[in-house]
Amino acid sequence: MNVLVFAESDNGKVAKASFEAATYGTKVASKTGGSATIVAYGKLDDASLKELASYGITKILHCSAVSDLDPSQLTRLTIAAAAESQAELIIFSHDYTGKSIAPLVSAKMKAGMVAGAIDYPETNGDFTVKTNVFSGKAFAQVKIKTDKKIITLIPNAISKEKQEGQAEVIAYSPDLGAASVSVKEFKAEGGDGINLTEAELVVSAGRGLKGPENWGMIEELAKELGAATACSRPVSDIGWRPHHEHVGQTGIAIRPNLYIAIGISGAIQHLAGVNGSKVIVVINTDKEAPFFKAADYGVVGDAFEVVPKMIEAIKAFKAGQA
C-alpha cells in the first residue's frame, strides 16, 4: 500500500506532529509492501526538509508556491500528490490544518476517513483503525472499506523514529488554480510559546490560583521544565488566561507525556481533554477533588507552597547536572 503523508508548515519549519505522521506512514507502507511519500508546502528551510527526509520516506514533493492558509489550494495539492504517488492511504496530523483539509480531500476523493487515530492500523484482513470515543472514555476499532483511505493522527499518539538514508526532495508544482484566500497579515496566537497540541510537557492551572497575578509561578515552573502552559475553562472564561490555553472537552484535547494540574478540581469536561496524557500529576488542597482519581501522582497541598518548592528542586537538579 502506497502512503502519502501531509507535512504541515509552521513558520518556515515542519511541524513536530508531521514527523510523527511520517513515522506512522513509513511503518504502514513497510508493513503493507508499499512506499511512503511526503507532500510538503510553503517556504520551508533546508534543515527541516533534510530532517523530514530521514524518516524512511521514498521522496518528498515540495510545493513552495502555495498559500499556507488556503484550504482549497492545500486540498488540490494533496489530491494531486496522491495521484502522483499512487497513494491508497493519506495521513494527516489531527491538528487545525489536518482537521480542515482531510474532510475536503475525503469528500473529493470519495475516500473513507477515520479522524483521531491513536495507534497503527490493523491490516491483516479488514483495514481497522483505533480511535478514542466518548471523550476518551472508550476505544473504537473503525473499518475503512473504500479503496482510498484517509487517517488523521492524534499528536503525541506515537513516537517519531528516524531511519537510515535520505529521501529525494523534489520541487513540485501542480496546477492548483487561483488562491481563494488572501492573507494580509498573520499573527500567531500565544506568541513564541510552545505549541500546546504538540507539547510533551504541560503545566496547567485553575481557579485554585486565586487570580491572574499569581500565574508567574506557573510560567516559571513551565519554563524550568521546558513545558507549555494551559488552563481550565473557568480560568479562560473570566479572562485570567487566553482562550488558546484552555484544555478540555470544549477546548483543546492534548496527549502530553506529562500533565501537571495545579488547583484544578478535575470536572469531567476537563478530564475529557487531558485523559490521554501518559502521566498526570495533580496538586490540590481538596483531597476529595475528582482529579485525584485520574492522577498517577497526587499532592494534597497548597499550590503556593508546593509549586515554589518544585521550582527550587528542579533548579537544584539542573545545577547538579551542569
Protein backbone atom coordinates (compact mmCIF):
# COMPACT_ATOMS: atom_id res chain seq x y z
CA MET A 1 0.00 0.00 0.00
CA ASN A 2 1.45 3.34 -1.06
CA VAL A 3 1.09 6.06 1.56
CA LEU A 4 1.09 9.85 1.25
CA VAL A 5 1.89 11.94 4.34
CA PHE A 6 0.77 15.57 4.51
CA ALA A 7 3.52 17.61 6.22
CA GLU A 8 2.37 20.82 7.82
CA SER A 9 4.36 24.03 7.59
CA ASP A 10 4.85 26.03 10.79
CA ASN A 11 6.69 29.35 10.49
CA GLY A 12 9.06 28.10 7.81
CA LYS A 13 9.67 24.78 9.55
CA VAL A 14 8.00 21.39 9.51
CA ALA A 15 5.60 20.97 12.44
CA LYS A 16 6.60 18.36 15.05
CA ALA A 17 3.42 16.36 14.53
CA SER A 18 4.37 15.89 10.87
CA PHE A 19 7.46 13.91 11.88
CA GLU A 20 5.18 11.60 13.87
CA ALA A 21 2.90 11.29 10.83
CA ALA A 22 5.96 10.49 8.69
CA THR A 23 6.95 7.71 11.09
CA TYR A 24 3.39 6.39 11.03
CA GLY A 25 3.17 6.50 7.23
CA THR A 26 6.54 4.80 6.74
CA LYS A 27 5.65 1.91 9.05
CA VAL A 28 2.25 1.36 7.43
CA ALA A 29 3.83 1.40 3.96
CA SER A 30 6.55 -1.03 5.02
CA LYS A 31 4.04 -3.37 6.65
CA THR A 32 1.82 -3.43 3.55
CA GLY A 33 4.59 -3.66 0.94
CA GLY A 34 4.33 -0.12 -0.39
CA SER A 35 6.27 3.12 -0.28
CA ALA A 36 5.73 6.38 1.60
CA THR A 37 5.82 9.85 0.05
CA ILE A 38 5.53 13.23 1.77
CA VAL A 39 3.81 16.28 0.32
CA ALA A 40 5.16 19.48 1.91
CA TYR A 41 4.24 23.08 1.19
CA GLY A 42 5.30 26.65 1.87
CA LYS A 43 8.69 28.27 2.37
CA LEU A 44 10.36 25.52 4.36
CA ASP A 45 14.01 25.84 5.35
CA ASP A 46 16.56 23.29 4.13
CA ALA A 47 17.21 21.94 7.62
CA SER A 48 13.56 20.99 8.10
CA LEU A 49 13.35 19.29 4.72
CA LYS A 50 16.58 17.42 5.38
CA GLU A 51 15.29 16.18 8.73
CA LEU A 52 11.97 15.18 7.21
CA ALA A 53 13.84 13.17 4.58
CA SER A 54 15.37 10.94 7.27
CA TYR A 55 12.17 9.17 8.31
CA GLY A 56 12.22 6.34 5.79
CA ILE A 57 10.31 8.29 3.17
CA THR A 58 10.89 7.46 -0.51
CA LYS A 59 10.55 11.05 -1.73
CA ILE A 60 9.32 14.48 -0.71
CA LEU A 61 7.15 16.52 -3.05
CA HIS A 62 7.73 20.13 -2.01
CA CYS A 63 5.41 22.80 -3.37
CA SER A 64 6.63 26.22 -2.24
CA ALA A 65 4.19 28.22 -4.39
CA VAL A 66 1.06 27.71 -2.31
CA SER A 67 -0.87 29.88 0.12
CA ASP A 68 -0.24 28.42 3.58
CA LEU A 69 -3.72 29.26 4.82
CA ASP A 70 -5.78 28.45 1.73
CA PRO A 71 -7.69 25.16 2.28
CA SER A 72 -8.78 24.94 -1.36
CA GLN A 73 -5.19 25.05 -2.65
CA LEU A 74 -3.95 22.65 0.03
CA THR A 75 -6.78 20.27 -0.85
CA ARG A 76 -5.91 20.33 -4.55
CA LEU A 77 -2.22 19.92 -3.71
CA THR A 78 -2.93 16.82 -1.63
CA ILE A 79 -5.14 15.26 -4.29
CA ALA A 80 -2.54 15.92 -7.00
CA ALA A 81 0.26 14.47 -4.83
CA ALA A 82 -1.87 11.39 -4.08
CA ALA A 83 -2.29 10.79 -7.80
CA GLU A 84 1.42 11.41 -8.43
CA SER A 85 2.48 8.89 -5.77
CA GLN A 86 -0.38 6.44 -6.48
CA ALA A 87 -1.27 6.62 -2.80
CA GLU A 88 -4.02 4.45 -1.39
CA LEU A 89 -3.70 5.92 2.10
CA ILE A 90 -3.24 9.58 3.09
CA ILE A 91 -2.05 10.55 6.58
CA PHE A 92 -2.73 13.95 8.17
CA SER A 93 -1.95 15.20 11.66
CA HIS A 94 -5.11 15.69 13.73
CA ASP A 95 -4.46 19.41 14.21
CA TYR A 96 -6.07 22.59 12.92
CA THR A 97 -4.82 22.21 9.35
CA GLY A 98 -5.32 18.45 9.16
CA LYS A 99 -8.86 18.68 10.52
CA SER A 100 -9.59 21.37 7.94
CA ILE A 101 -8.08 19.67 4.87
CA ALA A 102 -8.70 15.96 5.46
CA PRO A 103 -12.53 16.06 5.21
CA LEU A 104 -12.31 18.08 1.97
CA VAL A 105 -9.90 15.57 0.45
CA SER A 106 -12.08 12.71 1.69
CA ALA A 107 -15.19 14.12 0.03
CA LYS A 108 -13.49 14.91 -3.28
CA MET A 109 -11.70 11.54 -3.50
CA LYS A 110 -14.66 9.57 -2.09
CA ALA A 111 -12.23 8.13 0.44
CA GLY A 112 -13.25 6.63 3.77
CA MET A 113 -11.82 8.60 6.67
CA VAL A 114 -11.04 7.99 10.34
CA ALA A 115 -10.33 11.07 12.45
CA GLY A 116 -8.11 10.92 15.52
CA ALA A 117 -6.19 7.65 15.20
CA ILE A 118 -4.13 6.72 18.26
CA ASP A 119 -2.38 3.58 17.00
CA TYR A 120 -1.20 1.85 13.85
CA PRO A 121 -3.97 0.27 11.74
CA GLU A 122 -4.65 -3.45 11.61
CA THR A 123 -4.02 -4.53 8.03
CA ASN A 124 -4.50 -8.30 8.27
CA GLY A 125 -7.89 -8.73 6.67
CA ASP A 126 -10.03 -5.65 7.27
CA PHE A 127 -8.29 -2.27 7.49
CA THR A 128 -9.23 -1.10 11.00
CA VAL A 129 -8.08 1.98 12.90
CA LYS A 130 -8.16 2.53 16.69
CA THR A 131 -9.58 5.82 17.96
CA ASN A 132 -10.86 7.36 21.19
CA VAL A 133 -14.64 7.70 21.59
CA PHE A 134 -16.95 9.19 24.22
CA SER A 135 -14.43 11.89 25.14
CA GLY A 136 -11.67 9.37 25.73
CA LYS A 137 -13.69 7.02 27.96
CA ALA A 138 -13.53 4.15 25.46
CA PHE A 139 -11.86 2.96 22.26
CA ALA A 140 -13.33 2.07 18.89
CA GLN A 141 -11.94 -0.05 16.05
CA VAL A 142 -13.20 1.59 12.86
CA LYS A 143 -13.08 -0.20 9.49
CA ILE A 144 -12.29 1.70 6.31
CA LYS A 145 -13.79 -0.19 3.37
CA THR A 146 -13.08 2.19 0.48
CA ASP A 147 -10.14 1.76 -1.89
CA LYS A 148 -8.76 5.17 -0.93
CA LYS A 149 -8.31 5.77 2.77
CA ILE A 150 -7.60 8.80 4.98
CA ILE A 151 -6.40 8.90 8.59
CA THR A 152 -5.77 11.87 10.87
CA LEU A 153 -3.24 11.02 13.59
CA ILE A 154 -3.51 12.47 17.12
CA PRO A 155 -0.30 14.40 18.01
CA ASN A 156 1.89 12.57 20.57
CA ALA A 157 -0.01 9.30 19.97
CA ILE A 158 3.18 7.66 18.65
CA SER A 159 6.88 8.46 18.91
CA LYS A 160 8.77 9.77 15.91
CA GLU A 161 11.55 7.47 14.70
CA LYS A 162 14.29 8.30 12.23
CA GLN A 163 15.64 5.71 9.79
CA GLU A 164 18.78 5.35 7.74
CA GLY A 165 19.01 7.04 4.36
CA GLN A 166 17.71 10.27 2.92
CA ALA A 167 14.71 10.74 0.67
CA GLU A 168 14.94 12.80 -2.50
CA VAL A 169 13.37 16.27 -2.26
CA ILE A 170 11.58 17.16 -5.49
CA ALA A 171 10.30 20.62 -6.40
CA TYR A 172 6.62 20.03 -7.12
CA SER A 173 4.39 22.49 -8.96
CA PRO A 174 0.99 21.06 -9.90
CA ASP A 175 -1.77 23.32 -11.21
CA LEU A 176 -3.54 24.47 -8.05
CA GLY A 177 -5.65 27.22 -9.53
CA ALA A 178 -6.05 30.67 -8.04
CA ALA A 179 -5.94 31.07 -4.27
CA SER A 180 -9.36 31.70 -2.68
CA VAL A 181 -7.83 33.24 0.45
CA SER A 182 -5.61 36.32 0.55
CA VAL A 183 -3.63 36.69 3.80
CA LYS A 184 -2.73 40.28 4.60
CA GLU A 185 -1.16 39.63 7.98
CA PHE A 186 -0.59 36.63 10.22
CA LYS A 187 -0.10 36.78 13.98
CA ALA A 188 0.44 33.53 15.83
CA GLU A 189 -1.80 33.24 18.88
CA GLY A 190 0.24 32.77 22.01
CA GLY A 191 3.42 34.47 20.82
CA ASP A 192 6.60 32.41 20.87
CA GLY A 193 5.40 29.79 23.38
CA ILE A 194 5.40 26.03 22.85
CA ASN A 195 2.56 24.74 20.67
CA LEU A 196 0.13 23.23 23.17
CA THR A 197 -1.12 20.43 20.90
CA GLU A 198 2.44 19.26 20.26
CA ALA A 199 3.87 19.81 23.76
CA GLU A 200 5.26 16.75 25.52
CA LEU A 201 5.15 18.50 28.90
CA VAL A 202 2.25 20.70 30.05
CA VAL A 203 1.75 22.70 33.26
CA SER A 204 -1.88 23.69 33.78
CA ALA A 205 -3.70 25.63 36.48
CA GLY A 206 -7.23 26.53 37.51
CA ARG A 207 -9.17 28.77 39.86
CA GLY A 208 -7.12 27.46 42.77
CA LEU A 209 -4.51 30.07 41.75
CA LYS A 210 -6.99 32.72 43.03
CA GLY A 211 -6.09 35.33 40.41
CA PRO A 212 -4.12 36.07 37.23
CA GLU A 213 -1.45 37.87 39.25
CA ASN A 214 -0.34 34.50 40.67
CA TRP A 215 0.41 32.89 37.30
CA GLY A 216 4.07 33.86 37.46
CA MET A 217 4.98 30.70 39.38
CA ILE A 218 3.11 28.54 36.85
CA GLU A 219 5.04 30.14 33.99
CA GLU A 220 8.31 29.76 35.91
CA LEU A 221 7.65 26.06 36.56
CA ALA A 222 6.81 25.55 32.89
CA LYS A 223 9.97 27.39 31.83
CA GLU A 224 12.17 25.25 34.08
CA LEU A 225 10.59 22.08 32.68
CA GLY A 226 10.53 23.27 29.07
CA ALA A 227 6.75 22.83 29.14
CA ALA A 228 3.73 24.57 27.64
CA THR A 229 1.19 26.31 29.87
CA ALA A 230 -2.53 25.55 29.89
CA CYS A 231 -5.61 26.29 31.97
CA SER A 232 -9.13 25.14 32.81
CA ARG A 233 -12.18 26.61 31.11
CA PRO A 234 -13.36 28.83 34.02
CA VAL A 235 -9.93 30.49 34.06
CA SER A 236 -10.11 31.38 30.36
CA ASP A 237 -13.78 32.39 30.59
CA ILE A 238 -13.11 35.00 33.28
CA GLY A 239 -10.12 36.34 31.37
CA TRP A 240 -7.27 35.21 33.63
CA ARG A 241 -5.64 33.37 30.74
CA PRO A 242 -6.09 33.46 26.93
CA HIS A 243 -8.60 31.08 25.38
CA HIS A 244 -5.98 29.27 23.32
CA GLU A 245 -4.62 27.79 26.60
CA HIS A 246 -7.96 26.22 27.55
CA VAL A 247 -7.75 22.42 27.53
CA GLY A 248 -10.76 20.16 27.90
CA GLN A 249 -13.79 18.86 26.05
CA THR A 250 -14.73 22.34 24.78
CA GLY A 251 -11.12 23.47 24.38
CA ILE A 252 -8.00 21.72 23.10
CA ALA A 253 -7.53 17.97 23.57
CA ILE A 254 -3.91 17.09 24.36
CA ARG A 255 -1.82 13.93 24.91
CA PRO A 256 1.46 15.05 26.54
CA ASN A 257 3.90 12.71 28.23
CA LEU A 258 3.42 14.69 31.46
CA TYR A 259 0.43 16.82 32.51
CA ILE A 260 0.67 18.73 35.80
CA ALA A 261 -2.69 20.06 37.00
CA ILE A 262 -2.47 22.70 39.73
CA GLY A 263 -5.57 23.95 41.53
CA ILE A 264 -7.94 22.19 39.10
CA SER A 265 -10.75 20.09 40.58
CA GLY A 266 -10.98 17.81 37.55
CA ALA A 267 -14.50 18.15 36.18
CA ILE A 268 -15.40 15.52 33.60
CA GLN A 269 -15.26 18.10 30.79
CA HIS A 270 -11.67 18.94 31.68
CA LEU A 271 -10.66 15.29 32.00
CA ALA A 272 -12.05 14.60 28.52
CA GLY A 273 -9.36 16.83 27.04
CA VAL A 274 -6.37 15.53 29.02
CA ASN A 275 -7.07 11.87 29.84
CA GLY A 276 -4.81 10.77 27.00
CA SER A 277 -1.80 12.12 28.93
CA LYS A 278 0.75 9.41 29.71
CA VAL A 279 1.40 10.69 33.26
CA ILE A 280 -0.91 13.01 35.24
CA VAL A 281 0.23 14.84 38.38
CA VAL A 282 -2.40 16.65 40.46
CA ILE A 283 -1.76 19.31 43.12
CA ASN A 284 -4.82 20.37 45.10
CA THR A 285 -5.78 21.30 48.66
CA ASP A 286 -9.00 19.27 48.41
CA LYS A 287 -8.21 15.59 48.94
CA GLU A 288 -11.68 14.75 47.56
CA ALA A 289 -11.05 16.53 44.24
CA PRO A 290 -12.22 14.24 41.36
CA PHE A 291 -8.89 14.75 39.57
CA PHE A 292 -7.09 12.56 42.11
CA LYS A 293 -9.00 9.51 40.80
CA ALA A 294 -7.43 10.02 37.36
CA ALA A 295 -3.97 11.01 38.63
CA ASP A 296 -0.85 8.85 38.50
CA TYR A 297 0.63 11.02 41.26
CA GLY A 298 -1.19 13.36 43.62
CA VAL A 299 -0.10 16.00 46.12
CA VAL A 300 -2.63 17.20 48.68
CA GLY A 301 -1.27 20.62 49.48
CA ASP A 302 -1.34 24.36 48.88
CA ALA A 303 -0.04 25.25 45.42
CA PHE A 304 1.55 28.40 46.83
CA GLU A 305 3.76 26.19 48.99
CA VAL A 306 4.21 23.15 46.73
CA VAL A 307 5.00 24.84 43.40
CA PRO A 308 7.86 27.08 44.65
CA LYS A 309 9.46 24.02 46.26
CA MET A 310 9.12 22.13 42.97
CA ILE A 311 10.83 25.00 41.14
CA GLU A 312 13.67 25.04 43.68
CA ALA A 313 14.11 21.26 43.38
CA ILE A 314 14.18 21.38 39.58
CA LYS A 315 16.74 24.21 39.59
CA ALA A 316 18.91 22.29 42.06
CA PHE A 317 18.67 19.14 39.95
CA LYS A 318 19.61 21.02 36.77
CA ALA A 319 22.51 22.74 38.54
CA GLY A 320 23.82 19.36 39.67
CA GLN A 321 23.81 18.15 36.07
CA ALA A 322 25.75 21.16 34.77
